[in-house]
N, C-alpha and C. Protein backbone atom coordinates (compact mmCIF):
# COMPACT_ATOMS: atom_id res chain seq x y z
N MET A 1 82.12 124.35 -121.97
CA MET A 1 82.05 124.27 -120.61
C MET A 1 81.78 125.89 -120.13
N ARG A 2 82.31 126.60 -120.64
CA ARG A 2 82.51 128.19 -119.65
C ARG A 2 80.57 128.57 -119.79
N VAL A 3 79.82 128.03 -120.65
CA VAL A 3 78.23 128.30 -120.86
C VAL A 3 77.79 127.92 -119.53
N GLU A 4 78.06 125.93 -119.75
CA GLU A 4 77.25 125.06 -118.38
C GLU A 4 77.61 125.64 -117.44
N LYS A 5 78.99 125.71 -117.22
CA LYS A 5 79.76 126.36 -115.80
C LYS A 5 79.39 127.87 -114.61
N SER A 6 79.12 129.22 -116.26
CA SER A 6 77.84 129.54 -115.62
C SER A 6 76.07 129.51 -115.30
N ASN A 7 75.64 128.19 -116.59
CA ASN A 7 74.13 128.78 -115.69
C ASN A 7 74.12 127.50 -114.81
N LEU A 8 74.81 126.60 -114.75
CA LEU A 8 75.60 126.05 -112.93
C LEU A 8 75.06 127.13 -112.00
N GLU A 9 76.43 127.51 -111.74
CA GLU A 9 76.27 129.15 -110.94
C GLU A 9 75.06 130.29 -111.30
N LEU A 10 74.41 130.42 -111.89
CA LEU A 10 73.12 131.36 -112.13
C LEU A 10 71.91 130.08 -111.47
N LYS A 11 71.56 128.71 -111.87
CA LYS A 11 71.37 127.48 -111.20
C LYS A 11 70.80 127.90 -109.43
N VAL A 12 72.70 127.68 -109.26
CA VAL A 12 72.66 127.80 -107.47
C VAL A 12 72.61 128.90 -106.99
N GLY A 13 72.49 129.88 -107.67
CA GLY A 13 72.07 131.44 -106.95
C GLY A 13 71.02 131.66 -106.86
N ALA A 14 70.35 131.33 -107.74
CA ALA A 14 68.85 131.07 -108.19
C ALA A 14 68.22 130.79 -106.10
N PHE A 15 68.54 129.12 -106.10
CA PHE A 15 68.07 128.63 -105.35
C PHE A 15 68.88 128.85 -104.25
N VAL A 16 69.47 129.60 -104.02
CA VAL A 16 70.23 129.97 -103.31
C VAL A 16 68.70 131.02 -102.49
N SER A 17 68.99 132.37 -103.20
CA SER A 17 68.21 133.39 -103.16
C SER A 17 66.16 132.44 -102.57
N VAL A 18 66.03 131.48 -103.73
CA VAL A 18 64.50 131.89 -102.84
C VAL A 18 64.59 130.89 -102.00
N GLY A 19 66.35 129.63 -101.14
CA GLY A 19 65.69 129.39 -100.08
C GLY A 19 65.73 130.06 -98.78
N LEU A 20 66.61 131.49 -99.25
CA LEU A 20 66.52 132.72 -98.17
C LEU A 20 65.23 133.26 -98.12
N LEU A 21 64.35 133.57 -99.09
CA LEU A 21 63.39 134.15 -99.12
C LEU A 21 61.71 133.08 -98.28
N ILE A 22 62.53 132.30 -98.30
CA ILE A 22 61.70 130.73 -97.64
C ILE A 22 62.13 130.85 -96.30
N LEU A 23 63.26 130.96 -96.02
CA LEU A 23 63.55 131.19 -94.72
C LEU A 23 62.96 132.00 -93.76
N VAL A 24 63.23 133.00 -94.24
CA VAL A 24 62.77 134.33 -93.74
C VAL A 24 61.16 134.47 -93.35
N ALA A 25 60.53 133.96 -94.69
CA ALA A 25 59.11 133.98 -94.45
C ALA A 25 58.78 132.71 -93.13
N PHE A 26 59.69 131.88 -92.89
CA PHE A 26 59.25 130.99 -91.85
C PHE A 26 59.69 132.03 -90.17
N ILE A 27 60.44 131.97 -90.14
CA ILE A 27 61.38 133.02 -89.20
C ILE A 27 60.26 133.95 -89.08
N LEU A 28 59.46 134.90 -89.63
CA LEU A 28 58.49 135.99 -89.90
C LEU A 28 57.26 134.86 -89.18
N LEU A 29 56.71 134.22 -89.43
CA LEU A 29 55.84 132.96 -89.31
C LEU A 29 55.70 132.35 -87.66
N ILE A 30 56.76 132.12 -87.63
CA ILE A 30 57.69 131.15 -86.52
C ILE A 30 57.49 132.42 -85.32
N GLY A 31 58.10 133.11 -85.61
CA GLY A 31 57.92 134.36 -84.15
C GLY A 31 56.56 135.61 -84.43
N ASP A 32 55.57 135.20 -85.48
CA ASP A 32 54.69 135.85 -84.52
C ASP A 32 54.67 137.12 -85.31
N PHE A 33 55.48 137.76 -85.96
CA PHE A 33 56.01 139.01 -85.97
C PHE A 33 54.78 139.71 -86.97
N LYS A 34 54.25 141.37 -86.50
CA LYS A 34 53.43 141.56 -87.10
C LYS A 34 53.80 142.39 -87.67
N THR A 35 54.52 142.18 -89.25
CA THR A 35 55.00 143.17 -90.12
C THR A 35 54.09 143.14 -91.10
N LEU A 36 53.00 142.59 -91.18
CA LEU A 36 53.00 142.97 -92.86
C LEU A 36 51.40 143.07 -92.47
N ARG A 37 50.82 143.15 -91.38
CA ARG A 37 49.31 143.31 -90.14
C ARG A 37 49.21 145.11 -89.52
N SER A 38 48.84 145.70 -89.54
CA SER A 38 48.75 146.99 -89.64
C SER A 38 47.72 147.05 -87.93
N GLY A 39 48.48 148.00 -87.37
CA GLY A 39 48.21 148.47 -86.03
C GLY A 39 49.06 149.57 -85.02
N TYR A 40 48.57 149.26 -83.69
CA TYR A 40 48.86 150.41 -82.97
C TYR A 40 49.44 150.29 -82.07
N HIS A 41 51.05 151.11 -80.90
CA HIS A 41 51.72 151.32 -80.31
C HIS A 41 50.79 151.48 -79.13
N LEU A 42 50.63 151.47 -78.00
CA LEU A 42 50.74 151.77 -76.50
C LEU A 42 51.52 151.15 -75.34
N ASN A 43 51.82 152.22 -74.19
CA ASN A 43 52.38 152.24 -73.65
C ASN A 43 52.34 152.25 -71.99
N PHE A 44 52.20 151.03 -70.79
CA PHE A 44 52.01 151.03 -70.22
C PHE A 44 52.35 151.31 -68.80
N MET A 45 52.79 152.17 -67.53
CA MET A 45 54.09 152.44 -67.35
C MET A 45 52.75 151.70 -65.64
N PHE A 46 54.21 151.17 -65.35
CA PHE A 46 53.76 150.17 -63.66
C PHE A 46 55.26 150.40 -63.08
N HIS A 47 55.17 149.43 -61.21
CA HIS A 47 56.24 149.96 -60.71
C HIS A 47 56.93 148.59 -60.94
N PHE A 48 55.44 147.94 -60.71
CA PHE A 48 56.70 146.04 -60.83
C PHE A 48 54.84 145.48 -61.46
N ILE A 49 55.88 144.48 -62.50
CA ILE A 49 54.88 143.52 -63.61
C ILE A 49 54.52 141.88 -63.22
N ASN A 50 54.82 141.54 -61.96
CA ASN A 50 54.90 140.09 -61.99
C ASN A 50 55.80 138.81 -62.97
N GLY A 51 56.63 139.66 -63.70
CA GLY A 51 57.47 138.91 -64.53
C GLY A 51 56.53 138.09 -65.86
N VAL A 52 55.78 139.58 -66.38
CA VAL A 52 55.54 139.47 -67.48
C VAL A 52 56.57 139.34 -68.74
N LYS A 53 56.38 139.09 -70.01
CA LYS A 53 57.68 138.64 -70.93
C LYS A 53 57.51 139.38 -72.30
N VAL A 54 58.57 140.35 -73.23
CA VAL A 54 57.64 139.90 -73.92
C VAL A 54 57.35 138.81 -74.50
N GLY A 55 56.57 139.09 -76.12
CA GLY A 55 55.40 138.05 -76.82
C GLY A 55 54.35 138.07 -75.90
N ALA A 56 53.88 138.21 -74.45
CA ALA A 56 53.14 137.60 -73.49
C ALA A 56 51.69 138.66 -74.09
N PRO A 57 50.15 137.81 -73.72
CA PRO A 57 49.45 138.10 -74.34
C PRO A 57 48.74 139.62 -74.21
N VAL A 58 47.41 140.51 -74.57
CA VAL A 58 47.18 141.49 -74.81
C VAL A 58 45.72 141.09 -74.93
N ARG A 59 45.07 141.33 -73.74
CA ARG A 59 43.36 140.95 -73.50
C ARG A 59 42.22 142.27 -73.23
N PHE A 60 42.06 142.49 -74.37
CA PHE A 60 40.90 143.68 -74.08
C PHE A 60 39.23 143.25 -74.04
N ALA A 61 38.45 143.24 -72.58
CA ALA A 61 37.58 142.56 -72.22
C ALA A 61 37.62 141.26 -72.28
N GLY A 62 38.82 141.04 -72.11
CA GLY A 62 38.81 139.61 -71.75
C GLY A 62 39.64 138.13 -73.99
N VAL A 63 40.07 139.51 -74.54
CA VAL A 63 39.88 138.78 -76.03
C VAL A 63 41.03 139.37 -76.13
N ASP A 64 41.83 138.36 -76.90
CA ASP A 64 43.13 138.87 -77.53
C ASP A 64 43.48 139.86 -78.67
N VAL A 65 44.06 140.93 -78.14
CA VAL A 65 43.95 141.72 -78.78
C VAL A 65 45.65 141.91 -79.60
N GLY A 66 46.03 141.81 -79.06
CA GLY A 66 47.48 142.37 -78.94
C GLY A 66 48.44 141.38 -78.46
N GLU A 67 50.04 142.02 -78.35
CA GLU A 67 50.70 140.98 -77.54
C GLU A 67 52.09 142.14 -77.03
N VAL A 68 52.95 141.57 -76.46
CA VAL A 68 53.96 143.11 -75.26
C VAL A 68 55.06 142.93 -76.48
N LYS A 69 55.87 143.86 -76.66
CA LYS A 69 56.27 144.05 -77.63
C LYS A 69 58.01 144.32 -77.40
N GLN A 70 57.55 145.29 -75.91
CA GLN A 70 58.82 145.83 -75.59
C GLN A 70 58.99 146.13 -74.15
N ILE A 71 59.93 145.67 -73.36
CA ILE A 71 59.87 145.66 -71.34
C ILE A 71 61.25 146.42 -71.29
N ASP A 72 60.57 147.88 -70.86
CA ASP A 72 62.30 148.91 -70.44
C ASP A 72 62.07 149.70 -68.88
N LEU A 73 63.42 149.21 -68.46
CA LEU A 73 62.62 150.61 -66.98
C LEU A 73 63.67 151.82 -66.99
N VAL A 74 62.29 152.42 -66.42
CA VAL A 74 62.42 153.72 -66.78
C VAL A 74 62.66 154.24 -65.20
N ALA A 75 63.64 155.13 -65.29
CA ALA A 75 63.72 156.33 -64.28
C ALA A 75 62.52 157.29 -63.63
N ASP A 76 62.38 157.13 -62.76
CA ASP A 76 60.80 158.08 -62.51
C ASP A 76 61.06 158.61 -61.13
N GLY A 77 61.26 159.93 -61.41
CA GLY A 77 62.07 160.07 -59.83
C GLY A 77 63.12 159.66 -59.02
N ASP A 78 62.30 159.57 -58.11
CA ASP A 78 63.63 158.28 -57.09
C ASP A 78 62.82 157.22 -57.66
N SER A 79 62.37 156.70 -57.77
CA SER A 79 61.98 155.51 -58.07
C SER A 79 62.49 154.93 -59.60
N THR A 80 61.89 153.64 -59.89
CA THR A 80 61.93 153.43 -60.81
C THR A 80 60.56 152.43 -61.81
N SER A 81 60.50 153.39 -62.71
CA SER A 81 58.97 152.01 -63.40
C SER A 81 58.97 150.89 -64.78
N VAL A 82 58.57 150.53 -64.81
CA VAL A 82 58.61 149.76 -65.61
C VAL A 82 57.86 149.80 -67.21
N LYS A 83 58.44 150.32 -67.91
CA LYS A 83 57.33 150.64 -69.23
C LYS A 83 57.24 149.05 -70.51
N VAL A 84 55.74 149.26 -70.15
CA VAL A 84 55.69 147.94 -71.15
C VAL A 84 54.36 148.82 -72.38
N THR A 85 55.26 148.01 -73.73
CA THR A 85 54.78 148.38 -74.84
C THR A 85 54.43 147.55 -75.75
N VAL A 86 53.28 147.43 -76.14
CA VAL A 86 52.71 146.47 -76.08
C VAL A 86 51.99 147.06 -77.97
N TRP A 87 51.66 145.85 -78.38
CA TRP A 87 50.98 145.95 -80.36
C TRP A 87 49.32 145.69 -79.40
N ILE A 88 48.47 147.13 -80.54
CA ILE A 88 46.99 146.07 -80.32
C ILE A 88 46.42 146.28 -82.00
N LYS A 89 45.73 145.43 -82.17
CA LYS A 89 44.91 145.39 -83.78
C LYS A 89 44.60 146.90 -83.67
N LYS A 90 44.57 147.69 -85.04
CA LYS A 90 43.97 149.15 -85.50
C LYS A 90 43.11 148.80 -85.13
N GLU A 91 41.81 147.32 -85.48
CA GLU A 91 40.09 147.98 -84.72
C GLU A 91 39.96 148.27 -84.21
N ILE A 92 41.09 148.19 -83.27
CA ILE A 92 40.67 148.13 -81.40
C ILE A 92 40.73 149.17 -80.60
N ARG A 93 39.37 150.30 -79.85
CA ARG A 93 39.38 150.90 -79.98
C ARG A 93 38.87 151.04 -78.67
N ILE A 94 40.13 151.38 -77.34
CA ILE A 94 39.99 151.83 -76.72
C ILE A 94 39.89 152.49 -75.51
N PRO A 95 38.88 153.24 -74.58
CA PRO A 95 38.27 154.08 -74.26
C PRO A 95 39.47 154.68 -73.11
N SER A 96 39.23 155.96 -73.18
CA SER A 96 40.78 156.84 -72.26
C SER A 96 40.52 156.36 -71.08
N ASP A 97 39.25 155.71 -70.44
CA ASP A 97 39.43 155.69 -68.43
C ASP A 97 39.27 153.91 -68.90
N SER A 98 40.27 153.42 -69.60
CA SER A 98 39.70 152.02 -69.56
C SER A 98 41.08 151.31 -67.99
N LYS A 99 40.96 150.41 -67.11
CA LYS A 99 42.05 150.20 -66.43
C LYS A 99 43.09 149.02 -66.81
N VAL A 100 43.94 148.93 -66.28
CA VAL A 100 45.16 147.53 -67.01
C VAL A 100 45.86 147.75 -66.11
N TRP A 101 45.93 146.26 -66.35
CA TRP A 101 46.91 146.05 -64.85
C TRP A 101 47.53 144.32 -65.71
N VAL A 102 48.31 143.85 -64.05
CA VAL A 102 48.84 142.73 -64.87
C VAL A 102 47.75 140.84 -64.41
N ASN A 103 47.77 140.08 -65.26
CA ASN A 103 46.97 139.51 -64.58
C ASN A 103 47.63 137.59 -64.99
N THR A 104 46.60 136.74 -64.33
CA THR A 104 47.40 134.98 -63.99
C THR A 104 46.69 134.79 -65.11
N LEU A 105 47.20 133.38 -65.79
CA LEU A 105 46.22 132.75 -66.43
C LEU A 105 46.65 131.07 -65.67
N GLY A 106 45.29 131.34 -64.91
CA GLY A 106 45.67 129.69 -63.73
C GLY A 106 46.31 130.52 -62.94
N LEU A 107 46.90 129.71 -61.48
CA LEU A 107 47.07 130.08 -60.80
C LEU A 107 48.45 131.09 -60.52
N LEU A 108 49.54 129.32 -61.72
CA LEU A 108 50.57 129.60 -61.09
C LEU A 108 50.79 130.02 -63.10
N GLY A 109 50.46 130.67 -63.76
CA GLY A 109 49.77 130.37 -65.31
C GLY A 109 50.65 131.81 -65.79
N GLU A 110 50.65 131.48 -66.44
CA GLU A 110 51.05 132.98 -67.48
C GLU A 110 50.83 134.25 -67.33
N LYS A 111 51.73 134.68 -66.97
CA LYS A 111 51.61 136.21 -66.42
C LYS A 111 51.09 137.04 -68.45
N TYR A 112 49.80 138.18 -68.25
CA TYR A 112 49.56 138.64 -69.80
C TYR A 112 49.02 140.20 -69.34
N VAL A 113 48.42 140.54 -69.64
CA VAL A 113 48.24 142.04 -69.77
C VAL A 113 47.36 142.36 -70.15
N GLU A 114 46.21 142.95 -69.40
CA GLU A 114 44.25 142.39 -69.61
C GLU A 114 44.51 144.12 -69.62
N ILE A 115 43.04 144.42 -69.90
CA ILE A 115 42.35 146.26 -69.98
C ILE A 115 41.16 145.80 -69.80
N MET A 116 40.36 146.59 -68.88
CA MET A 116 39.16 146.00 -68.80
C MET A 116 38.79 147.38 -69.02
N PRO A 117 37.73 147.60 -70.27
CA PRO A 117 37.25 149.05 -71.34
C PRO A 117 36.28 149.98 -70.43
N GLY A 118 37.12 151.05 -70.48
CA GLY A 118 35.91 152.00 -69.57
C GLY A 118 35.23 152.27 -70.26
N THR A 119 34.14 153.67 -69.88
CA THR A 119 32.89 153.69 -69.92
C THR A 119 33.15 154.56 -70.41
N ASN A 120 34.10 155.98 -71.48
CA ASN A 120 34.00 157.10 -71.49
C ASN A 120 34.76 156.47 -73.59
N ALA A 121 33.72 156.02 -74.22
CA ALA A 121 34.02 155.54 -75.24
C ALA A 121 34.43 156.43 -76.43
N ALA A 122 33.58 157.37 -76.40
CA ALA A 122 33.94 158.70 -77.52
C ALA A 122 35.54 159.46 -77.46
N SER A 123 36.21 158.67 -76.31
CA SER A 123 37.37 158.94 -76.22
C SER A 123 38.31 158.07 -76.15
N ALA A 124 38.69 157.70 -77.75
CA ALA A 124 39.59 156.59 -77.60
C ALA A 124 41.28 156.50 -77.69
N LEU A 125 42.12 155.63 -77.28
CA LEU A 125 43.26 155.92 -76.82
C LEU A 125 43.91 156.32 -78.18
N GLY A 126 44.95 156.81 -78.26
CA GLY A 126 45.95 157.09 -79.41
C GLY A 126 47.23 156.41 -79.59
N PRO A 127 47.76 155.83 -81.04
CA PRO A 127 49.15 155.17 -80.87
C PRO A 127 49.62 156.03 -80.28
N ASP A 128 50.69 155.37 -79.19
CA ASP A 128 51.91 156.06 -78.51
C ASP A 128 51.11 156.30 -77.41
N SER A 129 50.23 156.25 -76.86
CA SER A 129 49.67 157.07 -75.49
C SER A 129 50.52 156.16 -74.40
N VAL A 130 50.28 157.06 -73.20
CA VAL A 130 50.93 156.44 -72.06
C VAL A 130 49.55 156.38 -71.14
N VAL A 131 49.61 155.28 -70.62
CA VAL A 131 48.81 154.75 -69.30
C VAL A 131 49.13 154.00 -68.20
N ARG A 132 48.94 154.57 -67.13
CA ARG A 132 49.66 154.66 -65.84
C ARG A 132 49.11 152.77 -65.79
N GLY A 133 49.71 152.06 -65.26
CA GLY A 133 48.70 150.72 -64.65
C GLY A 133 48.70 150.53 -63.30
N ASN A 134 47.96 149.53 -62.81
CA ASN A 134 47.67 148.92 -61.80
C ASN A 134 48.16 147.73 -61.49
N ASP A 135 50.03 148.18 -60.45
CA ASP A 135 50.68 147.51 -60.26
C ASP A 135 49.99 146.15 -59.51
N PRO A 136 51.02 144.92 -59.98
CA PRO A 136 49.64 143.56 -59.05
C PRO A 136 50.40 143.23 -57.67
N VAL A 137 49.55 142.54 -57.13
CA VAL A 137 50.45 142.39 -55.55
C VAL A 137 51.74 141.11 -55.28
N ALA A 138 52.77 141.93 -54.88
CA ALA A 138 53.43 140.46 -55.18
C ALA A 138 53.17 139.71 -54.38
N MET A 139 53.88 138.57 -54.68
CA MET A 139 53.71 137.32 -53.89
C MET A 139 54.02 137.28 -51.90
N HIS A 140 54.85 137.88 -51.61
CA HIS A 140 55.40 138.12 -50.71
C HIS A 140 54.53 138.76 -50.01
N GLU A 141 53.81 140.03 -50.68
CA GLU A 141 52.53 140.84 -49.72
C GLU A 141 51.46 140.02 -49.38
N VAL A 142 51.44 138.87 -50.67
CA VAL A 142 50.40 137.53 -50.05
C VAL A 142 50.61 136.78 -49.08
N ALA A 143 51.60 136.28 -48.72
CA ALA A 143 51.87 135.81 -47.88
C ALA A 143 52.07 136.39 -46.64
N GLU A 144 52.36 137.45 -46.49
CA GLU A 144 52.13 138.49 -45.09
C GLU A 144 50.91 138.83 -45.19
N ILE A 145 49.79 138.72 -46.14
CA ILE A 145 48.51 138.63 -45.45
C ILE A 145 48.12 137.88 -45.26
N ALA A 146 48.40 136.46 -45.27
CA ALA A 146 47.88 135.11 -45.59
C ALA A 146 48.07 134.92 -43.84
N ARG A 147 49.75 135.18 -43.73
CA ARG A 147 50.32 134.72 -42.22
C ARG A 147 49.28 135.89 -41.01
N GLY A 148 49.53 137.18 -41.63
CA GLY A 148 48.75 137.68 -40.31
C GLY A 148 47.11 137.10 -40.42
N PHE A 149 46.66 136.78 -41.41
CA PHE A 149 45.17 135.79 -40.84
C PHE A 149 45.43 134.92 -40.31
N VAL A 150 46.31 134.07 -40.53
CA VAL A 150 46.28 132.96 -39.81
C VAL A 150 46.44 133.22 -38.44
N ASN A 151 47.46 134.31 -37.83
CA ASN A 151 48.01 134.70 -36.67
C ASN A 151 46.55 135.21 -35.61
N ASP A 152 45.78 135.98 -36.90
CA ASP A 152 44.37 136.29 -36.11
C ASP A 152 43.94 135.37 -35.69
N ILE A 153 43.54 134.10 -36.40
CA ILE A 153 42.97 133.13 -36.01
C ILE A 153 43.27 132.71 -34.77
N GLN A 154 44.57 132.21 -34.71
CA GLN A 154 45.35 131.93 -33.40
C GLN A 154 45.19 132.23 -32.16
N GLU A 155 45.44 133.58 -32.61
CA GLU A 155 44.78 134.08 -31.53
C GLU A 155 42.96 134.05 -31.07
N ALA A 156 42.15 134.54 -32.00
CA ALA A 156 40.97 134.19 -31.34
C ALA A 156 40.77 133.29 -30.56
N ILE A 157 41.77 131.76 -31.26
CA ILE A 157 41.57 130.86 -30.87
C ILE A 157 41.68 130.56 -29.57
N ASN A 158 42.85 131.13 -29.23
CA ASN A 158 43.62 131.34 -27.75
C ASN A 158 42.91 132.07 -26.91
N ARG A 159 42.29 132.79 -26.66
CA ARG A 159 41.68 134.17 -26.23
C ARG A 159 40.09 133.22 -26.36
N MET A 160 39.35 132.34 -27.25
CA MET A 160 37.81 131.28 -26.77
C MET A 160 39.17 130.21 -25.39
N LYS A 161 39.88 129.90 -25.38
CA LYS A 161 40.29 128.80 -24.57
C LYS A 161 41.08 129.34 -23.26
N ARG A 162 41.03 130.82 -23.45
CA ARG A 162 41.27 131.37 -21.76
C ARG A 162 39.93 131.97 -21.52
N GLY A 163 38.27 131.42 -22.02
CA GLY A 163 36.95 131.72 -21.68
C GLY A 163 36.87 133.34 -21.58
N GLU A 164 37.89 134.09 -22.90
CA GLU A 164 37.19 135.36 -23.14
C GLU A 164 36.77 135.51 -23.53
N GLY A 165 35.47 136.27 -24.14
CA GLY A 165 34.57 136.58 -24.82
C GLY A 165 33.16 135.97 -24.29
N THR A 166 32.20 136.07 -25.39
CA THR A 166 30.62 135.60 -25.02
C THR A 166 31.09 133.27 -25.79
N LEU A 167 31.17 134.01 -26.63
CA LEU A 167 31.56 131.90 -27.27
C LEU A 167 33.14 131.68 -26.48
N GLY A 168 33.62 132.11 -26.07
CA GLY A 168 34.94 131.60 -25.36
C GLY A 168 34.41 130.95 -23.86
N ARG A 169 32.91 131.51 -23.08
CA ARG A 169 32.80 131.55 -21.96
C ARG A 169 31.77 130.11 -22.48
N LEU A 170 31.27 130.09 -23.34
CA LEU A 170 30.23 129.30 -23.48
C LEU A 170 30.81 127.66 -23.99
N LEU A 171 31.82 128.10 -24.35
CA LEU A 171 32.57 127.06 -25.00
C LEU A 171 33.37 126.19 -23.53
N PHE A 172 34.13 127.45 -22.77
CA PHE A 172 35.23 126.82 -22.16
C PHE A 172 35.45 127.35 -20.29
N ASP A 173 33.94 127.84 -20.13
CA ASP A 173 33.88 128.41 -18.93
C ASP A 173 32.76 127.01 -18.44
N ASP A 174 32.85 126.23 -17.44
CA ASP A 174 31.56 125.20 -16.33
C ASP A 174 30.82 126.44 -15.81
N THR A 175 30.65 127.90 -16.02
CA THR A 175 30.24 128.08 -14.81
C THR A 175 28.33 128.51 -15.20
N LEU A 176 28.51 128.24 -16.55
CA LEU A 176 27.42 128.35 -17.55
C LEU A 176 26.89 127.45 -17.73
N TYR A 177 27.27 125.95 -17.61
CA TYR A 177 27.42 124.69 -18.18
C TYR A 177 26.51 124.12 -17.08
N ARG A 178 27.04 124.45 -15.36
CA ARG A 178 26.73 124.26 -14.80
C ARG A 178 25.07 125.24 -14.00
N GLU A 179 24.69 126.05 -14.52
CA GLU A 179 24.22 127.11 -14.01
C GLU A 179 22.72 126.48 -15.34
N VAL A 180 23.38 126.04 -16.77
CA VAL A 180 22.33 125.49 -17.19
C VAL A 180 21.85 124.04 -17.65
N ASP A 181 22.69 123.49 -16.64
CA ASP A 181 22.09 121.82 -16.35
C ASP A 181 21.86 122.26 -14.97
N ALA A 182 22.00 122.75 -13.83
CA ALA A 182 20.93 122.98 -12.54
C ALA A 182 19.56 123.65 -13.07
N LEU A 183 19.14 124.23 -14.05
CA LEU A 183 18.10 124.74 -14.21
C LEU A 183 17.46 123.72 -14.41
N VAL A 184 18.13 123.20 -16.02
CA VAL A 184 17.35 121.96 -16.51
C VAL A 184 16.82 120.54 -15.33
N VAL A 185 17.61 120.34 -14.71
CA VAL A 185 17.30 119.53 -13.27
C VAL A 185 15.83 120.18 -12.59
N ASP A 186 15.81 121.08 -12.45
CA ASP A 186 14.92 121.80 -12.19
C ASP A 186 13.62 121.80 -11.90
N ILE A 187 13.76 122.15 -14.16
CA ILE A 187 12.38 122.22 -14.84
C ILE A 187 11.74 121.20 -14.36
N ARG A 188 12.71 119.06 -14.57
CA ARG A 188 12.09 118.32 -14.78
C ARG A 188 11.27 118.23 -13.13
N ARG A 189 12.25 118.54 -12.23
CA ARG A 189 11.28 118.23 -10.39
C ARG A 189 10.18 119.23 -10.77
N ASN A 190 10.50 120.21 -11.12
CA ASN A 190 8.92 121.05 -11.06
C ASN A 190 8.70 121.89 -12.32
N PRO A 191 8.20 120.65 -13.72
CA PRO A 191 7.44 121.66 -14.75
C PRO A 191 6.37 122.67 -14.16
N TRP A 192 6.10 122.77 -13.08
CA TRP A 192 4.98 123.31 -13.51
C TRP A 192 4.95 124.87 -13.60
N LYS A 193 6.32 125.31 -12.69
CA LYS A 193 6.97 126.72 -13.39
C LYS A 193 7.49 126.93 -14.35
N LEU A 194 7.12 126.34 -16.06
CA LEU A 194 7.20 126.68 -16.80
C LEU A 194 6.37 127.73 -17.52
N PHE A 195 4.81 127.14 -16.31
CA PHE A 195 3.63 127.86 -17.23
C PHE A 195 3.27 128.90 -15.49
N TRP A 196 4.07 128.57 -14.35
CA TRP A 196 4.03 129.84 -13.29
C TRP A 196 4.60 131.18 -13.70
N LYS A 197 3.40 132.25 -13.24
CA LYS A 197 3.37 133.54 -13.34
C LYS A 197 4.02 134.51 -12.38
N THR A 198 5.46 135.09 -11.96
CA THR A 198 5.29 135.79 -10.31
C THR A 198 4.74 137.06 -10.37
N LYS A 199 3.63 137.01 -9.58
CA LYS A 199 2.58 137.81 -9.37
C LYS A 199 3.77 139.32 -9.48
N GLU A 200 3.15 140.86 -10.19
CA GLU A 200 4.13 141.84 -9.25
C GLU A 200 3.56 142.26 -8.74
N LYS A 201 4.60 142.61 -7.99
CA LYS A 201 3.81 143.35 -6.77
C LYS A 201 3.66 145.16 -6.82
N SER A 202 2.13 145.44 -6.23
CA SER A 202 1.82 147.17 -6.70
C SER A 202 2.77 147.26 -5.50
N VAL A 203 2.81 148.37 -6.26
CA VAL A 203 3.72 149.15 -5.36
C VAL A 203 2.21 150.79 -4.84
N ARG A 204 2.53 151.40 -3.89
CA ARG A 204 1.52 151.93 -3.48
C ARG A 204 2.36 153.21 -3.44
N VAL A 205 2.26 154.62 -4.05
CA VAL A 205 2.60 155.86 -4.24
C VAL A 205 1.68 156.67 -2.43
N PRO A 206 2.59 157.10 -2.44
CA PRO A 206 1.95 157.78 -1.17
C PRO A 206 1.61 158.98 -0.89
N ALA A 207 0.53 159.31 -0.62
CA ALA A 207 -0.26 160.63 -1.15
C ALA A 207 0.67 162.11 -0.79
N GLU A 208 0.64 163.05 -1.16
CA GLU A 208 1.03 164.15 -0.99
C GLU A 208 -0.35 165.13 0.42
N HIS A 209 0.47 165.16 1.16
CA HIS A 209 0.01 166.49 1.95
C HIS A 209 -0.22 168.01 1.67
């Protein structure tokens, strides 16, 4: 009985161990961890990241090359910066003068980090390099710009309605309309005026004494 019990315990232990290994492998695959893949990390500094989250894609020239691994708030003098740590595939060489910003998939889609390649291909960013990114425009700033644009259009329309400016006089001032209408009526009555040229009077210069 003891031998059978020991064999049963051994089998249960082996089964549990195998189950744990399968569970760990499954978690690694689901979480898309890069534990078994080689690469390097870069640090991008922003003042505003507009909702970028851990796990967001990192694109280089529009191609997926990594992902956001960590986001930290960092004291930067009198202000606060956001450090975005990203993982990049080892075969990707990013020129040191590349530009980095936060982009959006669609109008209201997922936020991701976009890297536009620079021209200095001979100098690539090394592991753990720090790059200052270009801050995205906040939605309230976009709304303020749009509001100002609408106000400018409304003011231009109001000026035209008051007859200000050339276009305003053409559209809302009856004086020019009446003058053009009178000219058309006169030409209809006297079409010969279209071909008549006023003779210029000669100017006589007094002779010097």
